[in-house]
Amino acid sequence: MAPELIMKQAYQGHVVDLFALGIILFILYTGHPPFNSAHPTDPHYKLLATNRADLFWKQHQNNKPKGFLTEEFMDLITNMLQFNPAARPSLADIVGHPWMQGTIAERQTVV
């Protein structure tokens, strides 16, 4: 849930949905959620909310193979999970992001 919903502030539905999409993408890629709650007091989310994404990603690098979390992936997710809704990318920005333009797994690899 986006921070503006948790803090009972005014929100725009499509911006909240893109935040949720960032969480879902993170979970699908890493196998676990990025934080417990998108509230500025949550230890993991606080790092993103206070522009300390470097520390956020350092914590998530633990127990992952080297290179698993690419710069492009981290950039996309960091932007999608911005505390300030106005700073989050649009759907067109997300689709055009370099990570989204990368290679796609072949069917036989996925099945």
PDB file of N, CA and C in Angstrom:
ATOM      1  N   MET A   1       0.841  -1.163   0.000  1.00  0.00           N
ATOM      2  CA  MET A   1       0.000   0.000   0.000  1.00  0.00           C
ATOM      3  C   MET A   1       0.895   1.237   0.000  1.00  0.00           C
ATOM      4  N   ALA A   2       0.577   2.209  -0.820  1.00  0.00           N
ATOM      5  CA  ALA A   2       1.363   3.434  -0.961  1.00  0.00           C
ATOM      6  C   ALA A   2       1.326   4.261   0.335  1.00  0.00           C
ATOM      7  N   PRO A   3       2.380   5.020   0.591  1.00  0.00           N
ATOM      8  CA  PRO A   3       2.445   5.785   1.841  1.00  0.00           C
ATOM      9  C   PRO A   3       1.294   6.766   2.012  1.00  0.00           C
ATOM     10  N   GLU A   4       0.819   7.349   0.920  1.00  0.00           N
ATOM     11  CA  GLU A   4      -0.276   8.313   1.047  1.00  0.00           C
ATOM     12  C   GLU A   4      -1.566   7.641   1.520  1.00  0.00           C
ATOM     13  N   LEU A   5      -1.753   6.373   1.182  1.00  0.00           N
ATOM     14  CA  LEU A   5      -2.913   5.635   1.685  1.00  0.00           C
ATOM     15  C   LEU A   5      -2.741   5.300   3.162  1.00  0.00           C
ATOM     16  N   ILE A   6      -1.545   4.841   3.522  1.00  0.00           N
ATOM     17  CA  ILE A   6      -1.272   4.477   4.914  1.00  0.00           C
ATOM     18  C   ILE A   6      -1.434   5.682   5.843  1.00  0.00           C
ATOM     19  N   MET A   7      -1.007   6.855   5.358  1.00  0.00           N
ATOM     20  CA  MET A   7      -1.070   8.061   6.190  1.00  0.00           C
ATOM     21  C   MET A   7      -2.378   8.833   5.999  1.00  0.00           C
ATOM     22  N   LYS A   8      -3.334   8.192   5.288  1.00  0.00           N
ATOM     23  CA  LYS A   8      -4.675   8.749   5.093  1.00  0.00           C
ATOM     24  C   LYS A   8      -4.641  10.154   4.492  1.00  0.00           C
ATOM     25  N   GLN A   9      -3.842  10.300   3.440  1.00  0.00           N
ATOM     26  CA  GLN A   9      -3.731  11.559   2.713  1.00  0.00           C
ATOM     27  C   GLN A   9      -4.457  11.437   1.383  1.00  0.00           C
ATOM     28  N   ALA A  10      -4.681  12.577   0.750  1.00  0.00           N
ATOM     29  CA  ALA A  10      -5.283  12.571  -0.581  1.00  0.00           C
ATOM     30  C   ALA A  10      -4.362  11.806  -1.527  1.00  0.00           C
ATOM     31  N   TYR A  11      -4.942  11.141  -2.516  1.00  0.00           N
ATOM     32  CA  TYR A  11      -4.135  10.348  -3.440  1.00  0.00           C
ATOM     33  C   TYR A  11      -4.778  10.311  -4.811  1.00  0.00           C
ATOM     34  N   GLN A  12      -3.955   9.928  -5.789  1.00  0.00           N
ATOM     35  CA  GLN A  12      -4.430   9.694  -7.144  1.00  0.00           C
ATOM     36  C   GLN A  12      -4.343   8.196  -7.397  1.00  0.00           C
ATOM     37  N   GLY A  13      -5.447   7.609  -7.812  1.00  0.00           N
ATOM     38  CA  GLY A  13      -5.521   6.159  -7.969  1.00  0.00           C
ATOM     39  C   GLY A  13      -4.450   5.566  -8.852  1.00  0.00           C
ATOM     40  N   HIS A  14      -4.212   6.163 -10.003  1.00  0.00           N
ATOM     41  CA  HIS A  14      -3.229   5.567 -10.927  1.00  0.00           C
ATOM     42  C   HIS A  14      -1.809   5.639 -10.365  1.00  0.00           C
ATOM     43  N   VAL A  15      -1.505   6.665  -9.576  1.00  0.00           N
ATOM     44  CA  VAL A  15      -0.170   6.784  -8.983  1.00  0.00           C
ATOM     45  C   VAL A  15       0.008   5.734  -7.881  1.00  0.00           C
ATOM     46  N   VAL A  16      -1.040   5.503  -7.107  1.00  0.00           N
ATOM     47  CA  VAL A  16      -1.017   4.462  -6.072  1.00  0.00           C
ATOM     48  C   VAL A  16      -0.857   3.091  -6.729  1.00  0.00           C
ATOM     49  N   ASP A  17      -1.538   2.875  -7.849  1.00  0.00           N
ATOM     50  CA  ASP A  17      -1.441   1.595  -8.551  1.00  0.00           C
ATOM     51  C   ASP A  17      -0.022   1.344  -9.065  1.00  0.00           C
ATOM     52  N   LEU A  18       0.642   2.374  -9.540  1.00  0.00           N
ATOM     53  CA  LEU A  18       2.012   2.208 -10.030  1.00  0.00           C
ATOM     54  C   LEU A  18       2.976   1.916  -8.883  1.00  0.00           C
ATOM     55  N   PHE A  19       2.699   2.476  -7.698  1.00  0.00           N
ATOM     56  CA  PHE A  19       3.485   2.149  -6.511  1.00  0.00           C
ATOM     57  C   PHE A  19       3.308   0.659  -6.197  1.00  0.00           C
ATOM     58  N   ALA A  20       2.048   0.196  -6.207  1.00  0.00           N
ATOM     59  CA  ALA A  20       1.757  -1.219  -5.936  1.00  0.00           C
ATOM     60  C   ALA A  20       2.421  -2.109  -6.982  1.00  0.00           C
ATOM     61  N   LEU A  21       2.445  -1.672  -8.220  1.00  0.00           N
ATOM     62  CA  LEU A  21       3.105  -2.425  -9.276  1.00  0.00           C
ATOM     63  C   LEU A  21       4.602  -2.564  -8.981  1.00  0.00           C
ATOM     64  N   GLY A  22       5.212  -1.520  -8.426  1.00  0.00           N
ATOM     65  CA  GLY A  22       6.618  -1.588  -8.041  1.00  0.00           C
ATOM     66  C   GLY A  22       6.856  -2.641  -6.971  1.00  0.00           C
ATOM     67  N   ILE A  23       5.957  -2.717  -6.001  1.00  0.00           N
ATOM     68  CA  ILE A  23       6.073  -3.733  -4.944  1.00  0.00           C
ATOM     69  C   ILE A  23       5.922  -5.129  -5.538  1.00  0.00           C
ATOM     70  N   ILE A  24       4.941  -5.306  -6.405  1.00  0.00           N
ATOM     71  CA  ILE A  24       4.709  -6.611  -7.027  1.00  0.00           C
ATOM     72  C   ILE A  24       5.909  -7.029  -7.870  1.00  0.00           C
ATOM     73  N   LEU A  25       6.442  -6.095  -8.645  1.00  0.00           N
ATOM     74  CA  LEU A  25       7.611  -6.403  -9.468  1.00  0.00           C
ATOM     75  C   LEU A  25       8.801  -6.795  -8.593  1.00  0.00           C
ATOM     76  N   PHE A  26       8.994  -6.077  -7.492  1.00  0.00           N
ATOM     77  CA  PHE A  26      10.080  -6.403  -6.561  1.00  0.00           C
ATOM     78  C   PHE A  26       9.906  -7.825  -6.021  1.00  0.00           C
ATOM     79  N   ILE A  27       8.701  -8.163  -5.598  1.00  0.00           N
ATOM     80  CA  ILE A  27       8.434  -9.497  -5.035  1.00  0.00           C
ATOM     81  C   ILE A  27       8.643 -10.587  -6.092  1.00  0.00           C
ATOM     82  N   LEU A  28       8.127 -10.367  -7.291  1.00  0.00           N
ATOM     83  CA  LEU A  28       8.286 -11.365  -8.350  1.00  0.00           C
ATOM     84  C   LEU A  28       9.753 -11.600  -8.678  1.00  0.00           C
ATOM     85  N   TYR A  29      10.542 -10.541  -8.647  1.00  0.00           N
ATOM     86  CA  TYR A  29      11.952 -10.655  -9.028  1.00  0.00           C
ATOM     87  C   TYR A  29      12.821 -11.210  -7.906  1.00  0.00           C
ATOM     88  N   THR A  30      12.564 -10.776  -6.661  1.00  0.00           N
ATOM     89  CA  THR A  30      13.443 -11.164  -5.553  1.00  0.00           C
ATOM     90  C   THR A  30      12.907 -12.314  -4.715  1.00  0.00           C
ATOM     91  N   GLY A  31      11.594 -12.511  -4.726  1.00  0.00           N
ATOM     92  CA  GLY A  31      11.000 -13.574  -3.922  1.00  0.00           C
ATOM     93  C   GLY A  31      10.586 -13.138  -2.531  1.00  0.00           C
ATOM     94  N   HIS A  32      10.682 -11.846  -2.238  1.00  0.00           N
ATOM     95  CA  HIS A  32      10.264 -11.329  -0.929  1.00  0.00           C
ATOM     96  C   HIS A  32       9.879  -9.852  -1.071  1.00  0.00           C
ATOM     97  N   PRO A  33       9.081  -9.339  -0.127  1.00  0.00           N
ATOM     98  CA  PRO A  33       8.671  -7.935  -0.217  1.00  0.00           C
ATOM     99  C   PRO A  33       9.827  -6.986   0.117  1.00  0.00           C
ATOM    100  N   PRO A  34       9.754  -5.755  -0.382  1.00  0.00           N
ATOM    101  CA  PRO A  34      10.830  -4.794  -0.135  1.00  0.00           C
ATOM    102  C   PRO A  34      10.836  -4.224   1.277  1.00  0.00           C
ATOM    103  N   PHE A  35       9.682  -4.230   1.934  1.00  0.00           N
ATOM    104  CA  PHE A  35       9.541  -3.687   3.286  1.00  0.00           C
ATOM    105  C   PHE A  35       8.232  -4.189   3.863  1.00  0.00           C
ATOM    106  N   ASN A  36       8.018  -3.960   5.152  1.00  0.00           N
ATOM    107  CA  ASN A  36       6.772  -4.388   5.788  1.00  0.00           C
ATOM    108  C   ASN A  36       5.638  -3.418   5.516  1.00  0.00           C
ATOM    109  N   SER A  37       5.944  -2.125   5.536  1.00  0.00           N
ATOM    110  CA  SER A  37       4.931  -1.099   5.337  1.00  0.00           C
ATOM    111  C   SER A  37       5.575   0.120   4.696  1.00  0.00           C
ATOM    112  N   ALA A  38       4.882   0.745   3.769  1.00  0.00           N
ATOM    113  CA  ALA A  38       5.403   1.945   3.110  1.00  0.00           C
ATOM    114  C   ALA A  38       5.142   3.174   3.972  1.00  0.00           C
ATOM    115  N   HIS A  39       5.512   3.076   5.213  1.00  0.00           N
ATOM    116  CA  HIS A  39       5.373   4.184   6.161  1.00  0.00           C
ATOM    117  C   HIS A  39       6.780   4.687   6.474  1.00  0.00           C
ATOM    118  N   PRO A  40       6.942   5.992   6.599  1.00  0.00           N
ATOM    119  CA  PRO A  40       8.278   6.539   6.854  1.00  0.00           C
ATOM    120  C   PRO A  40       8.965   6.007   8.109  1.00  0.00           C
ATOM    121  N   THR A  41       8.237   5.341   8.993  1.00  0.00           N
ATOM    122  CA  THR A  41       8.859   4.787  10.198  1.00  0.00           C
ATOM    123  C   THR A  41       9.312   3.336  10.011  1.00  0.00           C
ATOM    124  N   ASP A  42       8.885   2.686   8.931  1.00  0.00           N
ATOM    125  CA  ASP A  42       9.338   1.325   8.643  1.00  0.00           C
ATOM    126  C   ASP A  42      10.836   1.392   8.336  1.00  0.00           C
ATOM    127  N   PRO A  43      11.657   0.583   9.003  1.00  0.00           N
ATOM    128  CA  PRO A  43      13.109   0.688   8.823  1.00  0.00           C
ATOM    129  C   PRO A  43      13.581   0.585   7.368  1.00  0.00           C
ATOM    130  N   HIS A  44      12.997  -0.321   6.588  1.00  0.00           N
ATOM    131  CA  HIS A  44      13.415  -0.463   5.197  1.00  0.00           C
ATOM    132  C   HIS A  44      12.861   0.659   4.325  1.00  0.00           C
ATOM    133  N   TYR A  45      11.570   0.971   4.489  1.00  0.00           N
ATOM    134  CA  TYR A  45      10.999   2.017   3.640  1.00  0.00           C
ATOM    135  C   TYR A  45      11.560   3.393   3.990  1.00  0.00           C
ATOM    136  N   LYS A  46      11.924   3.592   5.244  1.00  0.00           N
ATOM    137  CA  LYS A  46      12.498   4.873   5.658  1.00  0.00           C
ATOM    138  C   LYS A  46      13.732   5.218   4.829  1.00  0.00           C
ATOM    139  N   LEU A  47      14.490   4.203   4.457  1.00  0.00           N
ATOM    140  CA  LEU A  47      15.682   4.443   3.638  1.00  0.00           C
ATOM    141  C   LEU A  47      15.310   5.028   2.277  1.00  0.00           C
ATOM    142  N   LEU A  48      14.234   4.548   1.679  1.00  0.00           N
ATOM    143  CA  LEU A  48      13.778   5.108   0.409  1.00  0.00           C
ATOM    144  C   LEU A  48      13.172   6.486   0.607  1.00  0.00           C
ATOM    145  N   ALA A  49      12.379   6.643   1.665  1.00  0.00           N
ATOM    146  CA  ALA A  49      11.690   7.911   1.924  1.00  0.00           C
ATOM    147  C   ALA A  49      12.661   9.045   2.247  1.00  0.00           C
ATOM    148  N   THR A  50      13.849   8.694   2.750  1.00  0.00           N
ATOM    149  CA  THR A  50      14.835   9.716   3.109  1.00  0.00           C
ATOM    150  C   THR A  50      15.998   9.750   2.117  1.00  0.00           C
ATOM    151  N   ASN A  51      15.753   9.263   0.913  1.00  0.00           N
ATOM    152  CA  ASN A  51      16.750   9.283  -0.168  1.00  0.00           C
ATOM    153  C   ASN A  51      18.033   8.538   0.175  1.00  0.00           C
ATOM    154  N   ARG A  52      17.904   7.410   0.866  1.00  0.00           N
ATOM    155  CA  ARG A  52      19.053   6.551   1.175  1.00  0.00           C
ATOM    156  C   ARG A  52      18.872   5.208   0.477  1.00  0.00           C
ATOM    157  N   ALA A  53      18.518   5.271  -0.796  1.00  0.00           N
ATOM    158  CA  ALA A  53      18.313   4.044  -1.575  1.00  0.00           C
ATOM    159  C   ALA A  53      19.571   3.186  -1.598  1.00  0.00           C
ATOM    160  N   ASP A  54      20.745   3.807  -1.496  1.00  0.00           N
ATOM    161  CA  ASP A  54      21.985   3.030  -1.492  1.00  0.00           C
ATOM    162  C   ASP A  54      22.002   2.036  -0.333  1.00  0.00           C
ATOM    163  N   LEU A  55      21.562   2.482   0.853  1.00  0.00           N
ATOM    164  CA  LEU A  55      21.507   1.587   2.016  1.00  0.00           C
ATOM    165  C   LEU A  55      20.380   0.567   1.892  1.00  0.00           C
ATOM    166  N   PHE A  56      19.252   0.986   1.330  1.00  0.00           N
ATOM    167  CA  PHE A  56      18.133   0.074   1.083  1.00  0.00           C
ATOM    168  C   PHE A  56      18.607  -1.097   0.220  1.00  0.00           C
ATOM    169  N   TRP A  57      19.296  -0.781  -0.874  1.00  0.00           N
ATOM    170  CA  TRP A  57      19.740  -1.826  -1.791  1.00  0.00           C
ATOM    171  C   TRP A  57      20.879  -2.641  -1.198  1.00  0.00           C
ATOM    172  N   LYS A  58      21.714  -2.019  -0.397  1.00  0.00           N
ATOM    173  CA  LYS A  58      22.796  -2.762   0.254  1.00  0.00           C
ATOM    174  C   LYS A  58      22.214  -3.853   1.151  1.00  0.00           C
ATOM    175  N   GLN A  59      21.146  -3.533   1.872  1.00  0.00           N
ATOM    176  CA  GLN A  59      20.499  -4.529   2.727  1.00  0.00           C
ATOM    177  C   GLN A  59      19.878  -5.646   1.896  1.00  0.00           C
ATOM    178  N   HIS A  60      19.313  -5.297   0.743  1.00  0.00           N
ATOM    179  CA  HIS A  60      18.663  -6.312  -0.093  1.00  0.00           C
ATOM    180  C   HIS A  60      19.654  -7.115  -0.926  1.00  0.00           C
ATOM    181  N   GLN A  61      20.891  -6.661  -1.036  1.00  0.00           N
ATOM    182  CA  GLN A  61      21.917  -7.410  -1.763  1.00  0.00           C
ATOM    183  C   GLN A  61      22.340  -8.658  -0.989  1.00  0.00           C
ATOM    184  N   ASN A  62      22.169  -8.626   0.350  1.00  0.00           N
ATOM    185  CA  ASN A  62      22.560  -9.771   1.173  1.00  0.00           C
ATOM    186  C   ASN A  62      21.862 -11.035   0.677  1.00  0.00           C
ATOM    187  N   ASN A  63      22.600 -12.120   0.638  1.00  0.00           N
ATOM    188  CA  ASN A  63      22.093 -13.437   0.246  1.00  0.00           C
ATOM    189  C   ASN A  63      21.641 -13.504  -1.215  1.00  0.00           C
ATOM    190  N   LYS A  64      22.085 -12.562  -2.029  1.00  0.00           N
ATOM    191  CA  LYS A  64      21.780 -12.593  -3.465  1.00  0.00           C
ATOM    192  C   LYS A  64      23.092 -12.778  -4.223  1.00  0.00           C
ATOM    193  N   PRO A  65      23.064 -13.507  -5.328  1.00  0.00           N
ATOM    194  CA  PRO A  65      24.283 -13.639  -6.128  1.00  0.00           C
ATOM    195  C   PRO A  65      24.755 -12.273  -6.638  1.00  0.00           C
ATOM    196  N   LYS A  66      26.048 -12.126  -6.794  1.00  0.00           N
ATOM    197  CA  LYS A  66      26.609 -10.878  -7.297  1.00  0.00           C
ATOM    198  C   LYS A  66      26.003 -10.564  -8.668  1.00  0.00           C
ATOM    199  N   GLY A  67      25.522  -9.344  -8.826  1.00  0.00           N
ATOM    200  CA  GLY A  67      24.929  -8.921 -10.089  1.00  0.00           C
ATOM    201  C   GLY A  67      23.453  -9.234 -10.231  1.00  0.00           C
ATOM    202  N   PHE A  68      22.861  -9.914  -9.252  1.00  0.00           N
ATOM    203  CA  PHE A  68      21.433 -10.263  -9.325  1.00  0.00           C
ATOM    204  C   PHE A  68      20.569  -9.008  -9.392  1.00  0.00           C
ATOM    205  N   LEU A  69      20.849  -8.059  -8.516  1.00  0.00           N
ATOM    206  CA  LEU A  69      20.126  -6.787  -8.520  1.00  0.00           C
ATOM    207  C   LEU A  69      20.917  -5.793  -9.375  1.00  0.00           C
ATOM    208  N   THR A  70      20.496  -5.638 -10.611  1.00  0.00           N
ATOM    209  CA  THR A  70      21.216  -4.768 -11.536  1.00  0.00           C
ATOM    210  C   THR A  70      20.924  -3.299 -11.242  1.00  0.00           C
ATOM    211  N   GLU A  71      21.798  -2.437 -11.719  1.00  0.00           N
ATOM    212  CA  GLU A  71      21.605  -0.989 -11.555  1.00  0.00           C
ATOM    213  C   GLU A  71      20.277  -0.550 -12.178  1.00  0.00           C
ATOM    214  N   GLU A  72      19.943  -1.124 -13.318  1.00  0.00           N
ATOM    215  CA  GLU A  72      18.692  -0.756 -13.996  1.00  0.00           C
ATOM    216  C   GLU A  72      17.472  -1.163 -13.183  1.00  0.00           C
ATOM    217  N   PHE A  73      17.505  -2.385 -12.626  1.00  0.00           N
ATOM    218  CA  PHE A  73      16.388  -2.840 -11.802  1.00  0.00           C
ATOM    219  C   PHE A  73      16.253  -1.955 -10.559  1.00  0.00           C
ATOM    220  N   MET A  74      17.361  -1.704  -9.898  1.00  0.00           N
ATOM    221  CA  MET A  74      17.323  -0.890  -8.683  1.00  0.00           C
ATOM    222  C   MET A  74      16.833   0.524  -8.988  1.00  0.00           C
ATOM    223  N   ASP A  75      17.228   1.085 -10.115  1.00  0.00           N
ATOM    224  CA  ASP A  75      16.775   2.421 -10.496  1.00  0.00           C
ATOM    225  C   ASP A  75      15.265   2.437 -10.732  1.00  0.00           C
ATOM    226  N   LEU A  76      14.771   1.460 -11.460  1.00  0.00           N
ATOM    227  CA  LEU A  76      13.337   1.391 -11.744  1.00  0.00           C
ATOM    228  C   LEU A  76      12.527   1.276 -10.458  1.00  0.00           C
ATOM    229  N   ILE A  77      12.893   0.351  -9.596  1.00  0.00           N
ATOM    230  CA  ILE A  77      12.140   0.136  -8.359  1.00  0.00           C
ATOM    231  C   ILE A  77      12.259   1.338  -7.431  1.00  0.00           C
ATOM    232  N   THR A  78      13.448   1.904  -7.309  1.00  0.00           N
ATOM    233  CA  THR A  78      13.627   3.086  -6.463  1.00  0.00           C
ATOM    234  C   THR A  78      12.694   4.204  -6.904  1.00  0.00           C
ATOM    235  N   ASN A  79      12.580   4.404  -8.195  1.00  0.00           N
ATOM    236  CA  ASN A  79      11.695   5.456  -8.698  1.00  0.00           C
ATOM    237  C   ASN A  79      10.219   5.112  -8.512  1.00  0.00           C
ATOM    238  N   MET A  80       9.854   3.873  -8.709  1.00  0.00           N
ATOM    239  CA  MET A  80       8.451   3.482  -8.549  1.00  0.00           C
ATOM    240  C   MET A  80       7.998   3.576  -7.094  1.00  0.00           C
ATOM    241  N   LEU A  81       8.924   3.403  -6.150  1.00  0.00           N
ATOM    242  CA  LEU A  81       8.564   3.399  -4.728  1.00  0.00           C
ATOM    243  C   LEU A  81       8.874   4.729  -4.035  1.00  0.00           C
ATOM    244  N   GLN A  82       8.967   5.786  -4.795  1.00  0.00           N
ATOM    245  CA  GLN A  82       9.237   7.102  -4.220  1.00  0.00           C
ATOM    246  C   GLN A  82       8.166   7.485  -3.201  1.00  0.00           C
ATOM    247  N   PHE A  83       8.609   8.135  -2.129  1.00  0.00           N
ATOM    248  CA  PHE A  83       7.686   8.624  -1.101  1.00  0.00           C
ATOM    249  C   PHE A  83       6.772   9.705  -1.676  1.00  0.00           C
ATOM    250  N   ASN A  84       7.341  10.596  -2.445  1.00  0.00           N
ATOM    251  CA  ASN A  84       6.581  11.688  -3.060  1.00  0.00           C
ATOM    252  C   ASN A  84       5.885  11.163  -4.312  1.00  0.00           C
ATOM    253  N   PRO A  85       4.562  11.120  -4.314  1.00  0.00           N
ATOM    254  CA  PRO A  85       3.841  10.578  -5.471  1.00  0.00           C
ATOM    255  C   PRO A  85       4.170  11.299  -6.773  1.00  0.00           C
ATOM    256  N   ALA A  86       4.422  12.593  -6.710  1.00  0.00           N
ATOM    257  CA  ALA A  86       4.723  13.364  -7.925  1.00  0.00           C
ATOM    258  C   ALA A  86       6.069  12.977  -8.527  1.00  0.00           C
ATOM    259  N   ALA A  87       6.932  12.359  -7.735  1.00  0.00           N
ATOM    260  CA  ALA A  87       8.261  11.957  -8.222  1.00  0.00           C
ATOM    261  C   ALA A  87       8.261  10.572  -8.849  1.00  0.00           C
ATOM    262  N   ARG A  88       7.166   9.853  -8.759  1.00  0.00           N
ATOM    263  CA  ARG A  88       7.100   8.503  -9.334  1.00  0.00           C
ATOM    264  C   ARG A  88       6.933   8.584 -10.850  1.00  0.00           C
ATOM    265  N   PRO A  89       7.481   7.616 -11.568  1.00  0.00           N
ATOM    266  CA  PRO A  89       7.367   7.641 -13.028  1.00  0.00           C
ATOM    267  C   PRO A  89       5.951   7.301 -13.493  1.00  0.00           C
ATOM    268  N   SER A  90       5.650   7.762 -14.699  1.00  0.00           N
ATOM    269  CA  SER A  90       4.375   7.408 -15.325  1.00  0.00           C
ATOM    270  C   SER A  90       4.476   5.997 -15.889  1.00  0.00           C
ATOM    271  N   LEU A  91       3.358   5.456 -16.321  1.00  0.00           N
ATOM    272  CA  LEU A  91       3.365   4.128 -16.931  1.00  0.00           C
ATOM    273  C   LEU A  91       4.242   4.124 -18.181  1.00  0.00           C
ATOM    274  N   ALA A  92       4.169   5.186 -18.971  1.00  0.00           N
ATOM    275  CA  ALA A  92       5.006   5.269 -20.175  1.00  0.00           C
ATOM    276  C   ALA A  92       6.491   5.288 -19.808  1.00  0.00           C
ATOM    277  N   ASP A  93       6.841   5.992 -18.727  1.00  0.00           N
ATOM    278  CA  ASP A  93       8.234   6.021 -18.275  1.00  0.00           C
ATOM    279  C   ASP A  93       8.685   4.626 -17.841  1.00  0.00           C
ATOM    280  N   ILE A  94       7.807   3.911 -17.164  1.00  0.00           N
ATOM    281  CA  ILE A  94       8.138   2.560 -16.689  1.00  0.00           C
ATOM    282  C   ILE A  94       8.350   1.623 -17.874  1.00  0.00           C
ATOM    283  N   VAL A  95       7.429   1.644 -18.818  1.00  0.00           N
ATOM    284  CA  VAL A  95       7.536   0.771 -20.000  1.00  0.00           C
ATOM    285  C   VAL A  95       8.794   1.099 -20.806  1.00  0.00           C
ATOM    286  N   GLY A  96       9.158   2.369 -20.866  1.00  0.00           N
ATOM    287  CA  GLY A  96      10.336   2.777 -21.623  1.00  0.00           C
ATOM    288  C   GLY A  96      11.643   2.675 -20.852  1.00  0.00           C
ATOM    289  N   HIS A  97      11.578   2.276 -19.585  1.00  0.00           N
ATOM    290  CA  HIS A  97      12.787   2.201 -18.757  1.00  0.00           C
ATOM    291  C   HIS A  97      13.740   1.135 -19.319  1.00  0.00           C
ATOM    292  N   PRO A  98      15.060   1.374 -19.236  1.00  0.00           N
ATOM    293  CA  PRO A  98      16.030   0.405 -19.763  1.00  0.00           C
ATOM    294  C   PRO A  98      15.851  -1.019 -19.217  1.00  0.00           C
ATOM    295  N   TRP A  99      15.472  -1.167 -17.944  1.00  0.00           N
ATOM    296  CA  TRP A  99      15.299  -2.521 -17.413  1.00  0.00           C
ATOM    297  C   TRP A  99      14.155  -3.234 -18.128  1.00  0.00           C
ATOM    298  N   MET A 100      13.106  -2.501 -18.447  1.00  0.00           N
ATOM    299  CA  MET A 100      11.965  -3.103 -19.141  1.00  0.00           C
ATOM    300  C   MET A 100      12.292  -3.412 -20.599  1.00  0.00           C
ATOM    301  N   GLN A 101      13.317  -2.791 -21.135  1.00  0.00           N
ATOM    302  CA  GLN A 101      13.703  -3.011 -22.523  1.00  0.00           C
ATOM    303  C   GLN A 101      14.735  -4.126 -22.673  1.00  0.00           C
ATOM    304  N   GLY A 102      15.103  -4.736 -21.551  1.00  0.00           N
ATOM    305  CA  GLY A 102      16.120  -5.796 -21.569  1.00  0.00           C
ATOM    306  C   GLY A 102      15.615  -7.070 -22.221  1.00  0.00           C
ATOM    307  N   THR A 103      16.455  -8.096 -22.180  1.00  0.00           N
ATOM    308  CA  THR A 103      16.102  -9.365 -22.798  1.00  0.00           C
ATOM    309  C   THR A 103      14.973 -10.044 -22.028  1.00  0.00           C
ATOM    310  N   ILE A 104      14.239 -10.859 -22.735  1.00  0.00           N
ATOM    311  CA  ILE A 104      13.118 -11.606 -22.156  1.00  0.00           C
ATOM    312  C   ILE A 104      13.480 -13.087 -22.187  1.00  0.00           C
ATOM    313  N   ALA A 105      13.144 -13.782 -21.108  1.00  0.00           N
ATOM    314  CA  ALA A 105      13.430 -15.217 -21.027  1.00  0.00           C
ATOM    315  C   ALA A 105      12.672 -15.962 -22.120  1.00  0.00           C
ATOM    316  N   GLU A 106      13.317 -16.968 -22.678  1.00  0.00           N
ATOM    317  CA  GLU A 106      12.685 -17.814 -23.681  1.00  0.00           C
ATOM    318  C   GLU A 106      11.687 -18.743 -23.012  1.00  0.00           C
ATOM    319  N   ARG A 107      10.669 -19.153 -23.735  1.00  0.00           N
ATOM    320  CA  ARG A 107       9.613 -19.997 -23.174  1.00  0.00           C
ATOM    321  C   ARG A 107      10.180 -21.264 -22.530  1.00  0.00           C
ATOM    322  N   GLN A 108      11.095 -21.933 -23.183  1.00  0.00           N
ATOM    323  CA  GLN A 108      11.641 -23.183 -22.635  1.00  0.00           C
ATOM    324  C   GLN A 108      12.438 -22.957 -21.370  1.00  0.00           C
ATOM    325  N   THR A 109      12.934 -21.761 -21.144  1.00  0.00           N
ATOM    326  CA  THR A 109      13.662 -21.442 -19.921  1.00  0.00           C
ATOM    327  C   THR A 109      12.710 -21.255 -18.752  1.00  0.00           C
ATOM    328  N   VAL A 110      11.545 -20.692 -19.018  1.00  0.00           N
ATOM    329  CA  VAL A 110      10.570 -20.380 -17.987  1.00  0.00           C
ATOM    330  C   VAL A 110       9.743 -21.591 -17.582  1.00  0.00           C
ATOM    331  N   VAL A 111       9.371 -22.419 -18.536  1.00  0.00           N
ATOM    332  CA  VAL A 111       8.474 -23.545 -18.275  1.00  0.00           C
ATOM    333  C   VAL A 111       9.125 -24.601 -17.454  1.00  0.00           C
TER     334      VAL A 111
END
